[in-house]
N, C-alpha and C. Protein backbone atom coordinates (compact mmCIF):
# COMPACT_ATOMS: atom_id res chain seq x y z
N MET A 1 122.21 105.25 88.56
CA MET A 1 121.88 106.07 89.78
C MET A 1 123.11 105.96 90.74
N SER A 2 124.04 107.08 91.23
CA SER A 2 125.04 106.40 91.68
C SER A 2 125.08 106.11 92.90
N ASP A 3 126.09 105.99 93.85
CA ASP A 3 125.54 105.39 95.84
C ASP A 3 125.26 106.68 96.46
N ALA A 4 125.89 107.61 95.73
CA ALA A 4 126.18 109.14 96.76
C ALA A 4 124.49 109.41 96.35
N HIS A 5 124.30 109.51 95.44
CA HIS A 5 122.58 109.88 94.45
C HIS A 5 121.76 109.06 95.21
N THR A 6 121.95 108.19 95.24
CA THR A 6 121.05 106.74 95.96
C THR A 6 120.58 107.44 97.87
N LEU A 7 121.99 107.84 98.52
CA LEU A 7 121.25 107.77 99.85
C LEU A 7 120.80 109.30 100.06
N ASP A 8 121.87 110.58 99.05
CA ASP A 8 121.35 111.57 99.25
C ASP A 8 119.01 111.40 99.37
N ALA A 9 118.39 110.97 98.47
CA ALA A 9 117.62 110.38 97.59
C ALA A 9 117.36 110.06 99.41
N LEU A 10 117.11 109.45 99.62
CA LEU A 10 116.78 108.61 101.18
C LEU A 10 117.30 109.40 102.09
N ILE A 11 118.32 110.79 102.26
CA ILE A 11 117.73 111.14 102.73
C ILE A 11 116.87 112.56 103.30
N GLN A 12 116.64 113.01 101.66
CA GLN A 12 116.19 114.10 101.08
C GLN A 12 114.66 113.44 101.70
N ALA A 13 114.26 112.30 101.40
CA ALA A 13 112.59 111.63 101.56
C ALA A 13 112.80 111.96 103.32
N LEU A 14 113.71 111.99 104.27
CA LEU A 14 113.51 111.41 105.29
C LEU A 14 113.31 112.59 106.02
N ARG A 15 113.56 113.69 104.95
CA ARG A 15 113.04 115.05 105.97
C ARG A 15 111.74 116.07 104.83
N ARG A 16 111.11 115.01 104.48
CA ARG A 16 109.66 115.05 104.57
C ARG A 16 108.86 115.37 105.66
N LEU A 17 109.93 114.08 106.46
CA LEU A 17 108.88 114.52 107.51
C LEU A 17 109.06 115.25 108.56
N PRO A 18 107.53 115.94 108.85
CA PRO A 18 107.55 116.84 110.47
C PRO A 18 108.78 117.21 111.53
N GLY A 19 109.83 118.22 111.09
CA GLY A 19 110.71 118.23 113.30
C GLY A 19 111.89 117.97 112.35
N VAL A 20 112.20 117.16 110.90
CA VAL A 20 113.37 116.34 110.55
C VAL A 20 114.55 117.22 109.69
N GLY A 21 115.15 117.42 110.07
CA GLY A 21 117.04 118.02 109.53
C GLY A 21 117.09 117.17 108.91
N VAL A 22 118.20 118.12 108.33
CA VAL A 22 119.72 116.95 107.45
C VAL A 22 120.21 116.23 108.39
N LYS A 23 120.24 116.77 109.37
CA LYS A 23 121.02 115.65 110.48
C LYS A 23 120.50 114.84 110.99
N SER A 24 118.90 115.10 111.36
CA SER A 24 118.49 113.80 111.88
C SER A 24 118.13 112.44 110.16
N ALA A 25 117.82 113.41 109.23
CA ALA A 25 117.77 112.66 108.70
C ALA A 25 118.49 111.78 107.84
N SER A 26 119.80 112.60 107.98
CA SER A 26 121.37 111.34 107.97
C SER A 26 120.88 110.31 108.39
N ARG A 27 121.30 110.99 109.90
CA ARG A 27 121.00 109.59 111.13
C ARG A 27 120.60 108.74 110.58
N MET A 28 118.90 108.92 109.94
CA MET A 28 118.22 108.29 110.40
C MET A 28 118.08 107.01 108.65
N ALA A 29 119.13 107.66 108.19
CA ALA A 29 119.02 106.67 107.00
C ALA A 29 120.77 105.96 107.64
N PHE A 30 121.62 106.54 108.00
CA PHE A 30 122.71 105.92 108.33
C PHE A 30 122.13 104.23 109.15
N HIS A 31 121.29 105.00 110.23
CA HIS A 31 120.45 104.11 111.39
C HIS A 31 120.79 102.22 110.13
N LEU A 32 119.12 102.72 109.56
CA LEU A 32 118.59 101.89 108.94
C LEU A 32 119.62 101.29 107.63
N LEU A 33 120.61 101.92 106.80
CA LEU A 33 121.26 100.97 105.87
C LEU A 33 122.58 100.56 106.71
N GLN A 34 122.85 101.01 108.25
CA GLN A 34 123.86 99.69 108.26
C GLN A 34 123.52 99.15 109.64
N HIS A 35 122.33 99.44 110.32
CA HIS A 35 121.54 98.40 111.61
C HIS A 35 120.88 97.67 111.50
N ASP A 36 119.41 97.91 110.41
CA ASP A 36 118.51 97.70 110.24
C ASP A 36 118.28 98.03 108.94
N ARG A 37 118.41 96.76 108.07
CA ARG A 37 118.32 97.01 106.59
C ARG A 37 116.32 96.20 107.19
N GLU A 38 116.20 95.00 107.50
CA GLU A 38 115.41 94.95 107.71
C GLU A 38 113.85 95.48 108.06
N GLY A 39 114.18 96.31 109.06
CA GLY A 39 113.98 97.19 109.87
C GLY A 39 113.19 98.38 108.48
N ALA A 40 114.43 98.46 107.29
CA ALA A 40 114.18 99.54 106.12
C ALA A 40 113.09 98.87 105.59
N GLN A 41 113.52 97.07 105.17
CA GLN A 41 112.36 97.19 104.03
C GLN A 41 110.96 97.10 104.61
N LEU A 42 110.12 97.12 106.11
CA LEU A 42 109.48 96.68 106.40
C LEU A 42 109.01 98.37 106.38
N LEU A 43 109.88 99.20 107.23
CA LEU A 43 108.85 100.03 106.29
C LEU A 43 108.76 101.07 105.06
N SER A 44 109.90 99.99 104.22
CA SER A 44 109.24 101.11 102.87
C SER A 44 107.96 99.86 102.65
N ARG A 45 107.85 99.02 102.56
CA ARG A 45 106.83 98.52 102.30
C ARG A 45 105.37 98.65 103.08
N ALA A 46 105.67 99.44 104.66
CA ALA A 46 104.85 100.02 105.69
C ALA A 46 104.49 101.37 105.07
N LEU A 47 104.96 101.98 104.16
CA LEU A 47 104.71 102.98 103.45
C LEU A 47 103.92 102.79 102.75
N GLN A 48 104.38 102.08 101.82
CA GLN A 48 104.08 101.82 100.02
C GLN A 48 102.54 101.18 100.64
N GLU A 49 102.01 100.50 101.42
CA GLU A 49 100.86 100.48 101.96
C GLU A 49 99.45 101.35 101.92
N ALA A 50 100.46 102.07 102.68
CA ALA A 50 99.11 103.03 103.02
C ALA A 50 99.25 103.86 102.39
N ALA A 51 100.44 104.21 101.34
CA ALA A 51 99.94 105.21 101.03
C ALA A 51 99.20 104.88 99.56
N THR A 52 98.77 103.49 98.89
CA THR A 52 97.66 103.01 98.20
C THR A 52 96.47 102.87 98.67
N SER A 53 96.42 102.64 99.65
CA SER A 53 95.38 101.84 100.18
C SER A 53 94.17 103.11 101.82
N VAL A 54 95.47 103.94 102.26
CA VAL A 54 94.50 104.62 103.09
C VAL A 54 93.90 105.62 101.93
N ARG A 55 92.86 106.23 102.15
CA ARG A 55 91.84 106.95 102.23
C ARG A 55 90.99 107.45 103.04
N HIS A 56 90.02 108.69 102.45
CA HIS A 56 89.45 109.70 103.62
C HIS A 56 88.04 109.08 103.69
N CYS A 57 87.64 108.82 104.89
CA CYS A 57 86.06 108.86 105.08
C CYS A 57 85.23 109.86 104.74
N ALA A 58 84.50 108.88 103.37
CA ALA A 58 83.68 109.82 102.76
C ALA A 58 82.75 110.60 103.88
N ARG A 59 82.74 110.62 104.99
CA ARG A 59 81.49 110.54 105.74
C ARG A 59 82.46 112.05 107.03
N CYS A 60 83.07 111.38 107.25
CA CYS A 60 83.77 112.16 108.16
C CYS A 60 85.50 112.55 107.50
N HIS A 61 86.24 111.89 107.01
CA HIS A 61 87.29 113.01 106.07
C HIS A 61 88.84 112.16 106.93
N THR A 62 88.20 111.33 108.25
CA THR A 62 89.69 110.89 108.32
C THR A 62 89.71 109.62 107.76
N PHE A 63 91.29 108.92 107.91
CA PHE A 63 91.75 108.07 107.65
C PHE A 63 90.71 106.90 107.34
N SER A 64 91.33 106.01 105.94
CA SER A 64 90.75 104.45 106.56
C SER A 64 90.63 104.47 105.04
N GLU A 65 91.16 102.74 105.43
CA GLU A 65 91.12 101.66 103.79
C GLU A 65 90.20 101.40 103.83
N GLY A 66 88.50 101.94 103.58
CA GLY A 66 87.42 101.85 103.28
C GLY A 66 86.74 103.12 102.77
N GLU A 67 85.64 103.03 102.24
CA GLU A 67 85.29 104.21 102.56
C GLU A 67 84.64 105.01 103.46
N ILE A 68 84.52 104.06 103.80
CA ILE A 68 83.66 104.94 105.45
C ILE A 68 84.08 104.45 106.78
N CYS A 69 84.78 104.32 107.51
CA CYS A 69 85.71 104.18 108.69
C CYS A 69 84.69 103.64 109.55
N ALA A 70 85.67 103.07 110.15
CA ALA A 70 84.80 101.80 111.34
C ALA A 70 84.10 102.41 112.17
N THR A 71 85.01 104.33 112.58
CA THR A 71 83.74 104.68 113.35
C THR A 71 82.61 105.33 113.39
N CYS A 72 82.71 105.41 112.05
CA CYS A 72 81.20 106.15 111.43
C CYS A 72 80.29 104.36 111.40
N GLN A 73 80.75 104.08 111.11
CA GLN A 73 80.21 102.21 111.26
C GLN A 73 79.60 101.97 111.93
N ASP A 74 80.14 102.46 113.48
CA ASP A 74 79.43 102.04 114.47
C ASP A 74 78.42 101.91 115.20
N PRO A 75 77.54 101.26 115.13
CA PRO A 75 75.84 101.66 115.52
C PRO A 75 76.04 101.61 116.99
N ALA A 76 76.87 101.18 117.68
CA ALA A 76 77.24 102.26 119.95
C ALA A 76 77.38 103.27 119.16
N ARG A 77 77.54 104.36 118.63
CA ARG A 77 78.31 105.13 119.13
C ARG A 77 76.61 106.60 118.39
N ASP A 78 77.06 107.72 119.11
CA ASP A 78 76.01 108.57 119.11
C ASP A 78 76.60 109.84 118.76
N ALA A 79 75.06 109.45 117.52
CA ALA A 79 75.22 110.34 115.88
C ALA A 79 74.40 111.57 116.51
N SER A 80 73.78 111.75 117.79
CA SER A 80 73.55 113.02 117.83
C SER A 80 74.78 114.09 118.13
N LYS A 81 75.43 113.61 118.51
CA LYS A 81 77.11 114.71 118.58
C LYS A 81 78.33 114.11 117.44
N LEU A 82 78.71 115.94 117.34
CA LEU A 82 79.47 115.03 116.46
C LEU A 82 81.33 116.49 117.00
N CYS A 83 81.57 115.73 116.84
CA CYS A 83 83.56 116.40 117.27
C CYS A 83 83.84 116.45 115.94
N VAL A 84 84.14 118.21 115.70
CA VAL A 84 85.37 118.64 115.24
C VAL A 84 86.76 118.80 115.89
N VAL A 85 87.58 118.01 115.05
CA VAL A 85 89.00 118.16 114.90
C VAL A 85 89.49 118.76 114.12
N GLU A 86 90.69 119.19 114.18
CA GLU A 86 92.06 119.70 112.99
C GLU A 86 92.50 118.32 112.30
N THR A 87 92.77 117.45 112.81
CA THR A 87 93.52 116.07 112.60
C THR A 87 93.52 114.89 112.82
N PRO A 88 93.33 113.78 112.18
CA PRO A 88 93.20 112.73 112.60
C PRO A 88 93.81 112.63 114.01
N ALA A 89 94.67 113.01 113.35
CA ALA A 89 95.84 112.97 115.35
C ALA A 89 95.38 113.06 115.86
N ASP A 90 94.62 114.14 115.83
CA ASP A 90 93.42 114.84 117.22
C ASP A 90 92.58 113.99 117.71
N GLN A 91 91.93 113.51 116.09
CA GLN A 91 90.67 112.38 116.68
C GLN A 91 91.33 111.18 117.66
N MET A 92 92.91 110.76 117.08
CA MET A 92 92.84 109.23 117.58
C MET A 92 93.61 109.67 119.14
N ALA A 93 93.57 111.10 119.75
CA ALA A 93 94.15 111.76 120.94
C ALA A 93 92.80 111.79 121.84
N LEU A 94 91.54 111.90 120.88
CA LEU A 94 90.76 112.00 121.56
C LEU A 94 89.75 110.89 122.00
N GLU A 95 90.01 109.85 121.05
CA GLU A 95 89.69 108.76 121.21
C GLU A 95 90.55 108.12 122.17
N ARG A 96 91.26 108.41 122.08
CA ARG A 96 92.38 107.11 123.05
C ARG A 96 92.20 107.60 125.13
N THR A 97 90.92 109.12 125.19
CA THR A 97 90.77 109.14 126.49
C THR A 97 89.14 108.46 126.99
N GLY A 98 88.95 107.54 126.07
CA GLY A 98 87.62 106.36 125.94
C GLY A 98 86.57 107.88 126.41
N ALA A 99 86.43 109.46 126.41
CA ALA A 99 85.58 109.14 127.34
C ALA A 99 84.36 109.84 126.27
N TYR A 100 85.47 109.98 124.89
CA TYR A 100 83.37 110.05 124.01
C TYR A 100 83.35 109.79 122.90
N LYS A 101 81.70 108.69 122.60
CA LYS A 101 80.90 108.06 121.93
C LYS A 101 80.31 108.79 120.73
N GLY A 102 80.41 109.65 120.19
CA GLY A 102 79.97 110.54 118.94
C GLY A 102 80.61 109.84 118.10
N LEU A 103 80.29 111.17 117.15
CA LEU A 103 81.01 111.04 115.80
C LEU A 103 81.85 112.42 115.85
N TYR A 104 82.15 112.13 114.71
CA TYR A 104 83.80 112.85 113.95
C TYR A 104 83.40 113.63 112.83
N TYR A 105 84.08 115.17 113.00
CA TYR A 105 84.34 115.27 111.24
C TYR A 105 85.77 115.96 111.09
N VAL A 106 86.48 115.10 110.78
CA VAL A 106 88.16 115.75 110.26
C VAL A 106 88.29 116.70 109.65
N LEU A 107 88.77 118.02 109.69
CA LEU A 107 88.68 119.25 108.73
C LEU A 107 89.91 119.20 108.05
N MET A 108 91.39 118.72 108.70
CA MET A 108 92.14 118.34 107.49
C MET A 108 92.64 119.63 107.40
N GLY A 109 92.51 120.23 108.47
CA GLY A 109 93.75 121.84 108.62
C GLY A 109 92.91 121.91 109.75
N LYS A 110 92.90 124.11 109.68
CA LYS A 110 92.46 124.85 109.69
C LYS A 110 92.85 125.96 108.88
N LEU A 111 91.35 127.34 109.41
CA LEU A 111 91.50 128.73 109.31
C LEU A 111 92.85 129.43 108.94
N SER A 112 93.56 129.81 108.19
CA SER A 112 94.62 130.51 107.85
C SER A 112 95.24 131.45 106.79
N PRO A 113 93.82 132.33 106.74
CA PRO A 113 93.95 133.51 105.61
C PRO A 113 95.32 133.75 105.13
N LEU A 114 96.26 133.89 106.03
CA LEU A 114 97.70 134.12 105.42
C LEU A 114 98.77 133.56 104.68
N ASP A 115 98.52 131.67 105.08
CA ASP A 115 98.86 131.03 104.09
C ASP A 115 97.45 130.88 103.09
N GLY A 116 96.38 131.27 103.29
CA GLY A 116 96.22 130.60 101.58
C GLY A 116 94.98 129.72 102.18
N ILE A 117 94.51 128.97 102.78
CA ILE A 117 94.07 128.79 103.78
C ILE A 117 92.24 129.36 103.79
N GLY A 118 91.09 128.81 102.98
CA GLY A 118 90.09 129.06 103.72
C GLY A 118 88.75 128.17 103.99
N PRO A 119 87.69 128.52 103.97
CA PRO A 119 86.88 127.12 103.95
C PRO A 119 86.64 126.40 103.69
N ARG A 120 87.49 126.71 101.66
CA ARG A 120 87.10 125.63 100.98
C ARG A 120 88.06 124.65 101.04
N ASP A 121 88.91 125.33 101.77
CA ASP A 121 90.09 124.40 101.31
C ASP A 121 89.88 123.18 102.87
N ILE A 122 89.21 123.01 103.92
CA ILE A 122 88.93 123.15 105.01
C ILE A 122 87.70 121.88 105.45
N GLY A 123 87.30 122.53 103.71
CA GLY A 123 85.62 121.08 103.16
C GLY A 123 84.22 122.18 104.52
N LEU A 124 84.34 123.41 104.98
CA LEU A 124 83.45 123.14 105.47
C LEU A 124 82.03 123.58 105.51
N LYS A 125 82.14 123.39 103.68
CA LYS A 125 80.39 123.03 103.24
C LYS A 125 80.36 121.69 103.35
N GLN A 126 80.73 120.97 102.81
CA GLN A 126 80.48 119.65 103.48
C GLN A 126 80.36 119.57 104.74
N PHE A 127 80.88 120.12 105.97
CA PHE A 127 80.61 119.71 107.56
C PHE A 127 78.90 120.33 107.45
N PHE A 128 78.80 121.65 107.41
CA PHE A 128 77.82 122.25 107.18
C PHE A 128 76.72 121.22 106.86
N GLU A 129 77.00 120.85 105.61
CA GLU A 129 75.46 119.79 105.18
C GLU A 129 75.12 118.72 106.27
N ARG A 130 76.42 118.01 106.76
CA ARG A 130 76.70 117.13 107.24
C ARG A 130 75.95 117.55 108.56
N VAL A 131 75.96 118.36 109.66
CA VAL A 131 75.27 118.72 110.22
C VAL A 131 73.73 119.01 110.20
N SER A 132 73.46 119.57 109.33
CA SER A 132 72.39 119.42 108.65
C SER A 132 71.14 118.70 108.45
N ASP A 133 71.82 117.78 108.69
CA ASP A 133 71.26 116.39 108.04
C ASP A 133 70.18 115.92 109.18
N GLY A 134 69.88 116.45 110.12
CA GLY A 134 68.69 116.24 110.87
C GLY A 134 68.86 115.61 112.01
N THR A 135 70.45 115.13 111.61
CA THR A 135 70.90 113.92 112.73
C THR A 135 71.21 114.17 114.36
N VAL A 136 71.97 115.46 113.83
CA VAL A 136 73.72 115.98 114.90
C VAL A 136 72.32 116.83 115.57
N ARG A 137 72.59 116.86 116.92
CA ARG A 137 71.82 117.68 118.23
C ARG A 137 73.01 118.57 119.01
N GLU A 138 74.61 118.69 118.48
CA GLU A 138 75.15 119.35 119.25
C GLU A 138 77.14 118.63 118.27
N VAL A 139 77.22 119.65 118.45
CA VAL A 139 78.56 119.79 117.44
C VAL A 139 79.46 120.58 118.48
N ILE A 140 80.60 119.13 118.98
CA ILE A 140 81.61 119.42 119.86
C ILE A 140 82.89 120.85 119.00
N LEU A 141 83.30 121.62 119.65
CA LEU A 141 84.52 122.26 118.67
C LEU A 141 85.81 121.75 119.38
N ALA A 142 86.54 121.20 118.82
CA ALA A 142 87.70 120.50 119.39
C ALA A 142 88.60 121.04 118.97
N THR A 143 88.79 122.32 117.58
CA THR A 143 90.15 122.30 117.51
C THR A 143 90.87 122.76 118.47
N ASN A 144 92.16 123.14 118.25
CA ASN A 144 93.47 123.65 118.58
C ASN A 144 93.68 124.71 119.72
N PHE A 145 93.63 124.99 120.73
CA PHE A 145 93.97 126.20 121.12
C PHE A 145 95.09 127.60 120.61
N THR A 146 95.22 127.18 119.10
CA THR A 146 96.70 128.47 118.24
C THR A 146 95.36 129.43 118.05
N ALA A 147 96.30 130.36 117.03
CA ALA A 147 95.15 131.64 116.92
C ALA A 147 93.88 130.85 115.54
N GLU A 148 95.14 129.81 114.44
CA GLU A 148 94.44 128.96 113.86
C GLU A 148 93.32 128.87 113.74
N GLY A 149 94.15 127.74 114.62
CA GLY A 149 92.13 126.94 115.77
C GLY A 149 90.74 127.23 115.91
N GLU A 150 91.38 128.88 116.83
CA GLU A 150 90.06 129.31 117.28
C GLU A 150 89.84 129.93 116.89
N ALA A 151 90.26 130.86 115.41
CA ALA A 151 89.77 131.58 114.15
C ALA A 151 88.86 130.16 113.68
N THR A 152 88.77 129.16 113.81
CA THR A 152 88.21 128.10 112.82
C THR A 152 86.61 127.80 113.62
N ALA A 153 87.46 127.82 115.26
CA ALA A 153 86.27 127.35 116.50
C ALA A 153 85.53 128.82 116.13
N HIS A 154 85.85 129.69 116.03
CA HIS A 154 84.69 130.93 115.81
C HIS A 154 83.92 130.93 114.79
N VAL A 155 84.80 130.99 113.45
CA VAL A 155 83.68 130.83 112.43
C VAL A 155 82.64 129.66 112.24
N ILE A 156 83.05 128.97 112.66
CA ILE A 156 81.90 127.35 112.81
C ILE A 156 80.99 127.71 113.23
N ALA A 157 81.56 128.41 114.48
CA ALA A 157 80.34 128.72 115.68
C ALA A 157 79.61 129.75 115.67
N GLU A 158 80.07 130.51 114.75
CA GLU A 158 78.99 131.35 114.19
C GLU A 158 78.48 131.07 113.02
N ALA A 159 78.34 129.96 112.12
CA ALA A 159 78.14 129.52 111.42
C ALA A 159 76.83 128.46 112.03
N LEU A 160 76.96 128.10 113.09
CA LEU A 160 76.51 127.09 113.55
C LEU A 160 75.12 127.88 114.28
N LYS A 161 75.60 129.14 114.52
CA LYS A 161 74.33 129.65 115.63
C LYS A 161 73.21 130.32 114.56
N VAL A 162 74.12 130.85 112.98
CA VAL A 162 72.78 130.68 112.36
C VAL A 162 71.98 130.18 111.81
N ARG A 163 72.73 129.65 111.88
CA ARG A 163 71.73 127.58 111.19
C ARG A 163 70.67 127.18 112.75
N GLY A 164 71.19 127.40 114.22
CA GLY A 164 70.10 127.23 115.37
C GLY A 164 71.00 126.27 115.54
N VAL A 165 72.16 125.41 115.27
CA VAL A 165 72.34 124.80 116.27
C VAL A 165 73.70 124.31 117.25
N ALA A 166 72.86 123.01 118.29
CA ALA A 166 74.04 123.86 119.23
C ALA A 166 75.61 123.30 119.23
N PHE A 167 75.93 124.04 120.68
CA PHE A 167 77.61 123.85 119.95
C PHE A 167 78.47 124.13 121.10
N THR A 168 79.28 123.97 121.69
CA THR A 168 80.22 124.08 122.71
C THR A 168 81.64 123.34 122.29
N ARG A 169 82.39 123.95 123.48
CA ARG A 169 84.05 124.04 123.05
C ARG A 169 84.80 123.26 123.92
N LEU A 170 85.83 122.25 123.49
CA LEU A 170 86.76 121.89 124.62
C LEU A 170 86.97 123.40 125.74
N ALA A 171 87.26 122.58 126.51
CA ALA A 171 87.08 123.30 127.75
C ALA A 171 88.56 123.16 127.57
N ARG A 172 89.17 124.60 128.93
CA ARG A 172 90.68 124.61 128.13
C ARG A 172 91.44 125.77 130.00
N GLY A 173 92.13 124.92 130.26
CA GLY A 173 92.27 125.46 131.91
C GLY A 173 93.72 124.75 132.18
N VAL A 174 93.68 124.86 134.03
CA VAL A 174 94.80 124.43 134.12
C VAL A 174 95.35 122.93 133.97
N PRO A 175 96.27 122.13 134.03
CA PRO A 175 96.61 120.89 133.71
C PRO A 175 96.45 120.21 135.07
N ILE A 176 96.27 119.06 134.50
CA ILE A 176 95.44 118.06 136.24
C ILE A 176 97.31 118.41 136.57
N GLY A 177 97.64 118.09 138.05
CA GLY A 177 99.06 118.50 138.69
C GLY A 177 100.26 119.02 138.04
N SER A 178 99.33 120.28 137.41
CA SER A 178 100.42 121.31 137.22
C SER A 178 100.20 122.23 138.87
N GLU A 179 101.68 122.73 138.73
CA GLU A 179 101.18 123.82 139.93
C GLU A 179 101.10 125.43 139.44
N LEU A 180 100.46 125.84 140.39
CA LEU A 180 100.09 127.51 139.34
C LEU A 180 100.55 128.55 139.17
N GLU A 181 102.50 128.19 139.88
CA GLU A 181 103.36 129.55 139.15
C GLU A 181 104.15 129.07 138.26
N TYR A 182 104.20 128.05 137.80
CA TYR A 182 104.63 127.51 136.66
C TYR A 182 103.76 127.59 135.17
N VAL A 183 102.09 127.56 135.49
CA VAL A 183 101.66 127.91 134.53
C VAL A 183 101.64 128.54 133.94
N ASP A 184 101.81 129.22 132.49
CA ASP A 184 101.42 130.34 131.74
C ASP A 184 100.21 131.48 132.26
N LEU A 185 100.68 132.47 132.12
CA LEU A 185 99.60 133.44 132.52
C LEU A 185 97.89 133.58 132.03
N GLY A 186 98.12 133.43 130.37
CA GLY A 186 96.78 133.53 129.36
C GLY A 186 95.87 132.09 130.05
N THR A 187 96.51 130.93 130.43
CA THR A 187 95.92 129.34 130.26
C THR A 187 95.39 129.78 131.83
N ILE A 188 95.89 130.65 132.13
CA ILE A 188 95.58 130.53 134.21
C ILE A 188 94.15 131.63 134.29
N ALA A 189 94.71 132.46 133.04
CA ALA A 189 93.09 133.49 132.80
C ALA A 189 91.33 132.64 131.58
N HIS A 190 92.14 132.26 131.13
CA HIS A 190 90.98 131.38 130.55
C HIS A 190 90.78 130.42 131.94
N ALA A 191 91.48 129.58 133.03
CA ALA A 191 91.02 128.68 134.03
C ALA A 191 89.94 129.53 134.82
N LEU A 192 90.15 130.70 135.05
CA LEU A 192 88.90 131.78 136.16
C LEU A 192 88.63 131.99 134.98
N VAL A 193 88.14 132.00 134.17
CA VAL A 193 87.33 132.83 132.98
C VAL A 193 86.16 131.58 132.73
N ASP A 194 86.40 130.89 132.16
CA ASP A 194 86.15 129.42 132.34
C ASP A 194 85.93 128.42 133.67
N ARG A 195 85.41 129.21 134.89
CA ARG A 195 85.76 127.43 136.17
C ARG A 195 84.17 127.49 136.01
N ARG A 196 83.88 126.54 136.67
CA ARG A 196 82.55 125.53 137.25
C ARG A 196 81.88 125.47 138.42
């Protein structure tokens, strides 16, 4: 393998990361090779270890090194509440708040008919099986407030209504610390409708 080919392979690999274009990937590659060979080795080992060791939890589908993740195994969690999120990153964001003590179900995506992503692709069958186990009393719909996230929440909500399962949706509104004149009109409208 030639030097140019090896370097190009590294740049192309880095471009697979979201939001990383040719220039950013090149900068990263040159930095690692020129200034941080130890960091490059550390990154390589960490990626290899994660790629071989991390899988999906059999209960909630988040990332886990074991068959069942630590959250699902925690007896202190409230099993009657099940929060539905799109990704493990969304779950991590909710966990960092410390405000939620229930369990999760990670869809690993959202409905997007234009991209060919339907209910089967995001594990809704398994989700509804989990909801029907008799333990879950409330489903919290915490999908993102994008068109696809809203559509996903709507489909889930309609199916939960038919099954007689209680559900709630994350509140949306004016962010704390913001000034109304700088908040977009859609956010203000939703805040007015969802006021309490």
